[in-house]
Amino acid sequence: MFIGLFRTVALYALIILGIRLMGKRQVGELEPSELVFTLLIADLAAVPMQDFGIPLVTGVVPIVTLLCVTLLISILTVRSIRFRSVLCGKPSIVVDNGKLCQKEMEKNRFTLDELSEELRIQGVSDLTTVRYAILETNGQLTVLLKAAEMPLTAGQAGLRPKEPGLATWIVSDGRLVEENLRARGLDHQWLQKQLRANHVKGVKEVFALSVDQQGKVYFAKKEGRR
């Protein structure tokens, strides 16, 4: 039992390391090489986890090899544009000035139904309002509207609104984040003032408390547990 536990934890830690090496991407944003790596590493780890007759090193060596290959590919894609284009492909324009690029859609096997779905997800219902729709190498669709269809910005209206401040969590689920409190230049006296203003006795009664760069405070008290 202990051997099985050790093998599982060791392989799990190795897989986490591999996923971390790929960077902060979601599954839907993986490049082809990264997706293949994810599928292979999961399959390779499953066998030694279940079959204790296989030496652990037999499962670790292929995984480490894949990690090294993935790192090598990452370095090459950064340093070589040609290698990157061969491995990852190039973005394809599927809509140009409101017109469908049928050859590009056929080349990428991108159907009208898929295009319509992606446009609806991004709040676009009229194809003629689209300046460019670009199918990225990770399968995501980037939609750029025509200038006349874009929302009016504050700058275009001649307004000068205050820049939004980045909010930082001071209290997260009843736990005080000391480093965030110090990073905002605040102290425990400020925190106690906020607690009194919101009629709570201690940090444990707070679900969320944040403050942004403009000093705006968000406060949420813990709800009663049922």
Protein backbone atom coordinates (compact mmCIF):
# COMPACT_ATOMS: atom_id res chain seq x y z
CA MET A 1 0.00 0.00 0.00
CA PHE A 2 2.81 2.39 0.90
CA ILE A 3 4.58 1.61 -2.38
CA GLY A 4 1.44 2.41 -4.36
CA LEU A 5 1.00 5.67 -2.47
CA PHE A 6 4.62 6.69 -3.09
CA ARG A 7 4.46 5.84 -6.80
CA THR A 8 1.23 7.78 -7.26
CA VAL A 9 2.50 10.88 -5.46
CA ALA A 10 5.84 10.80 -7.31
CA LEU A 11 4.20 10.49 -10.73
CA TYR A 12 1.61 13.12 -9.86
CA ALA A 13 4.34 15.58 -8.85
CA LEU A 14 6.20 14.85 -12.09
CA ILE A 15 3.08 15.51 -14.19
CA ILE A 16 2.41 18.78 -12.33
CA LEU A 17 5.99 19.81 -13.10
CA GLY A 18 5.44 19.04 -16.76
CA ILE A 19 2.21 21.03 -16.95
CA ARG A 20 3.88 23.97 -15.18
CA LEU A 21 6.68 23.95 -17.74
CA MET A 22 4.11 24.59 -20.46
CA GLY A 23 3.09 27.87 -18.83
CA LYS A 24 -0.28 29.18 -17.75
CA ARG A 25 -2.51 27.94 -20.52
CA GLN A 26 -5.98 26.46 -20.49
CA VAL A 27 -6.67 23.20 -22.32
CA GLY A 28 -8.47 25.03 -25.13
CA GLU A 29 -5.44 27.26 -25.67
CA LEU A 30 -2.80 24.57 -26.08
CA GLU A 31 -0.67 24.46 -29.20
CA PRO A 32 -0.67 21.09 -31.05
CA SER A 33 2.68 20.02 -29.58
CA GLU A 34 1.50 20.89 -26.06
CA LEU A 35 -1.76 18.99 -26.49
CA VAL A 36 0.11 15.90 -27.68
CA PHE A 37 2.45 16.19 -24.70
CA THR A 38 -0.48 16.42 -22.29
CA LEU A 39 -2.18 13.34 -23.72
CA LEU A 40 1.01 11.27 -23.79
CA ILE A 41 2.20 12.15 -20.31
CA ALA A 42 -1.17 11.27 -18.78
CA ASP A 43 -1.20 7.91 -20.55
CA LEU A 44 2.39 7.10 -19.60
CA ALA A 45 1.78 7.90 -15.93
CA ALA A 46 -1.38 5.79 -15.70
CA VAL A 47 0.38 2.49 -16.41
CA PRO A 48 2.97 2.47 -13.56
CA MET A 49 0.32 3.84 -11.18
CA GLN A 50 -1.87 0.79 -11.74
CA ASP A 51 0.69 -1.95 -12.38
CA PHE A 52 3.06 -2.33 -9.42
CA GLY A 53 5.00 -4.99 -11.32
CA ILE A 54 6.45 -2.32 -13.58
CA PRO A 55 9.51 -0.56 -12.09
CA LEU A 56 8.82 3.09 -11.31
CA VAL A 57 11.83 4.18 -13.35
CA THR A 58 10.22 2.58 -16.43
CA GLY A 59 7.38 5.08 -16.16
CA VAL A 60 9.55 8.02 -15.12
CA VAL A 61 12.11 7.82 -17.97
CA PRO A 62 9.59 8.35 -20.82
CA ILE A 63 7.94 11.21 -18.92
CA VAL A 64 11.27 12.95 -18.28
CA THR A 65 12.19 12.40 -21.93
CA LEU A 66 8.96 14.07 -23.02
CA LEU A 67 9.66 16.97 -20.65
CA CYS A 68 13.10 17.46 -22.19
CA VAL A 69 11.71 17.29 -25.72
CA THR A 70 8.98 19.80 -24.80
CA LEU A 71 11.54 22.19 -23.35
CA LEU A 72 13.69 21.84 -26.48
CA ILE A 73 10.69 22.53 -28.71
CA SER A 74 9.80 25.59 -26.60
CA ILE A 75 13.31 26.98 -27.04
CA LEU A 76 13.26 26.35 -30.79
CA THR A 77 9.84 27.96 -31.25
CA VAL A 78 11.08 31.08 -29.46
CA ARG A 79 14.30 31.34 -31.45
CA SER A 80 13.15 30.22 -34.89
CA ILE A 81 10.18 31.77 -36.68
CA ARG A 82 10.32 29.13 -39.43
CA PHE A 83 10.27 26.26 -36.92
CA ARG A 84 7.40 27.91 -35.04
CA SER A 85 5.33 28.28 -38.20
CA VAL A 86 5.95 24.63 -39.17
CA LEU A 87 5.12 23.25 -35.73
CA CYS A 88 2.29 25.56 -34.65
CA GLY A 89 1.00 26.78 -37.99
CA LYS A 90 -0.01 30.34 -38.83
CA PRO A 91 -3.14 32.35 -37.99
CA SER A 92 -5.74 32.28 -40.77
CA ILE A 93 -8.06 35.13 -41.74
CA VAL A 94 -11.50 33.56 -42.23
CA VAL A 95 -13.44 36.85 -42.52
CA ASP A 96 -11.98 39.84 -44.34
CA ASN A 97 -13.99 43.08 -44.35
CA GLY A 98 -17.28 41.22 -43.86
CA LYS A 99 -16.55 38.63 -46.55
CA LEU A 100 -15.96 34.94 -45.92
CA CYS A 101 -12.56 33.58 -46.95
CA GLN A 102 -13.79 30.24 -48.19
CA LYS A 103 -10.38 28.82 -49.10
CA GLU A 104 -9.00 29.51 -45.63
CA MET A 105 -12.09 28.00 -44.00
CA GLU A 106 -11.78 24.88 -46.14
CA LYS A 107 -8.04 24.67 -45.45
CA ASN A 108 -8.65 24.73 -41.69
CA ARG A 109 -11.83 22.62 -41.90
CA PHE A 110 -13.67 25.47 -40.18
CA THR A 111 -17.39 25.28 -40.90
CA LEU A 112 -19.99 28.03 -41.10
CA ASP A 113 -21.72 26.63 -38.03
CA GLU A 114 -18.49 26.87 -36.03
CA LEU A 115 -17.92 30.41 -37.26
CA SER A 116 -21.46 31.43 -36.32
CA GLU A 117 -21.08 29.91 -32.88
CA GLU A 118 -17.80 31.74 -32.21
CA LEU A 119 -19.29 35.04 -33.41
CA ARG A 120 -22.32 34.62 -31.16
CA ILE A 121 -20.08 33.87 -28.18
CA GLN A 122 -18.35 37.21 -28.78
CA GLY A 123 -21.66 39.05 -29.15
CA VAL A 124 -21.54 39.48 -32.93
CA SER A 125 -24.71 38.72 -34.88
CA ASP A 126 -24.04 40.56 -38.16
CA LEU A 127 -21.16 39.26 -40.26
CA THR A 128 -20.95 42.52 -42.23
CA THR A 129 -19.83 44.38 -39.07
CA VAL A 130 -16.66 42.26 -38.85
CA ARG A 131 -13.43 43.74 -40.21
CA TYR A 132 -11.34 40.66 -39.52
CA ALA A 133 -12.01 37.26 -37.97
CA ILE A 134 -8.75 35.43 -37.39
CA LEU A 135 -8.48 31.75 -36.53
CA GLU A 136 -5.49 31.57 -34.19
CA THR A 137 -3.05 28.68 -34.00
CA ASN A 138 -4.59 27.50 -30.72
CA GLY A 139 -8.07 27.22 -32.28
CA GLN A 140 -9.47 30.43 -30.78
CA LEU A 141 -11.23 32.94 -33.02
CA THR A 142 -10.23 36.61 -32.71
CA VAL A 143 -12.90 39.02 -33.96
CA LEU A 144 -12.07 42.64 -34.85
CA LEU A 145 -15.06 44.85 -35.63
CA LYS A 146 -15.12 47.66 -38.14
CA ALA A 147 -14.29 51.08 -36.69
CA ALA A 148 -17.89 52.29 -37.05
CA GLU A 149 -19.16 49.27 -35.09
CA MET A 150 -16.77 49.55 -32.15
CA PRO A 151 -18.08 50.84 -28.81
CA LEU A 152 -17.31 54.49 -28.12
CA THR A 153 -14.42 54.83 -25.69
CA ALA A 154 -13.99 57.50 -23.04
CA GLY A 155 -10.97 58.86 -24.90
CA GLN A 156 -12.95 59.25 -28.11
CA ALA A 157 -15.65 61.10 -26.18
CA GLY A 158 -13.07 63.50 -24.77
CA LEU A 159 -13.45 62.23 -21.21
CA ARG A 160 -10.66 61.58 -18.75
CA PRO A 161 -11.89 58.97 -16.29
CA LYS A 162 -9.72 57.76 -13.44
CA GLU A 163 -7.67 54.70 -14.16
CA PRO A 164 -9.20 51.60 -12.58
CA GLY A 165 -7.18 50.31 -9.67
CA LEU A 166 -6.02 46.72 -9.37
CA ALA A 167 -7.86 45.12 -6.47
CA THR A 168 -5.87 43.06 -3.96
CA TRP A 169 -7.38 40.55 -1.56
CA ILE A 170 -6.67 41.50 2.05
CA VAL A 171 -8.92 38.82 3.55
CA SER A 172 -9.72 35.60 1.70
CA ASP A 173 -12.26 33.21 3.20
CA GLY A 174 -11.58 34.25 6.79
CA ARG A 175 -7.79 34.37 6.42
CA LEU A 176 -5.73 37.55 6.51
CA VAL A 177 -3.16 37.91 3.71
CA GLU A 178 -0.46 39.84 5.55
CA GLU A 179 1.78 40.43 2.54
CA ASN A 180 -1.08 42.03 0.59
CA LEU A 181 -1.93 44.25 3.56
CA ARG A 182 1.65 45.50 3.69
CA ALA A 183 1.87 45.84 -0.11
CA ARG A 184 -1.05 48.29 -0.03
CA GLY A 185 0.68 50.31 2.70
CA LEU A 186 -2.01 49.43 5.23
CA ASP A 187 -1.85 48.20 8.80
CA HIS A 188 -3.96 46.34 11.34
CA GLN A 189 -5.55 49.57 12.58
CA TRP A 190 -6.97 50.17 9.10
CA LEU A 191 -8.21 46.58 9.03
CA GLN A 192 -9.91 46.88 12.42
CA LYS A 193 -11.59 50.08 11.24
CA GLN A 194 -13.00 48.24 8.24
CA LEU A 195 -14.24 45.40 10.46
CA ARG A 196 -16.02 47.81 12.81
CA ALA A 197 -17.55 49.71 9.90
CA ASN A 198 -19.04 46.46 8.61
CA HIS A 199 -20.18 45.25 12.06
CA VAL A 200 -18.00 42.16 12.36
CA LYS A 201 -15.86 41.17 15.32
CA GLY A 202 -12.97 39.44 13.58
CA VAL A 203 -11.34 38.39 10.35
CA LYS A 204 -12.85 34.90 10.60
CA GLU A 205 -16.29 36.41 9.99
CA VAL A 206 -15.16 37.94 6.68
CA PHE A 207 -15.46 35.99 3.44
CA ALA A 208 -13.72 38.56 1.23
CA LEU A 209 -12.13 41.96 1.70
CA SER A 210 -10.19 43.73 -1.04
CA VAL A 211 -8.87 47.22 -1.70
CA ASP A 212 -7.73 48.65 -5.02
CA GLN A 213 -5.11 51.25 -5.91
CA GLN A 214 -7.70 54.01 -5.62
CA GLY A 215 -8.54 52.96 -2.06
CA LYS A 216 -11.94 51.48 -2.99
CA VAL A 217 -12.90 48.70 -0.58
CA TYR A 218 -14.98 45.62 -1.33
CA PHE A 219 -16.36 43.75 1.68
CA ALA A 220 -18.34 40.50 1.89
CA LYS A 221 -19.36 38.98 5.20
CA LYS A 222 -19.47 35.21 5.60
CA GLU A 223 -22.94 33.79 5.19
CA GLY A 224 -24.35 31.60 7.92
CA ARG A 225 -23.65 27.93 7.36
CA ARG A 226 -26.68 25.69 7.07
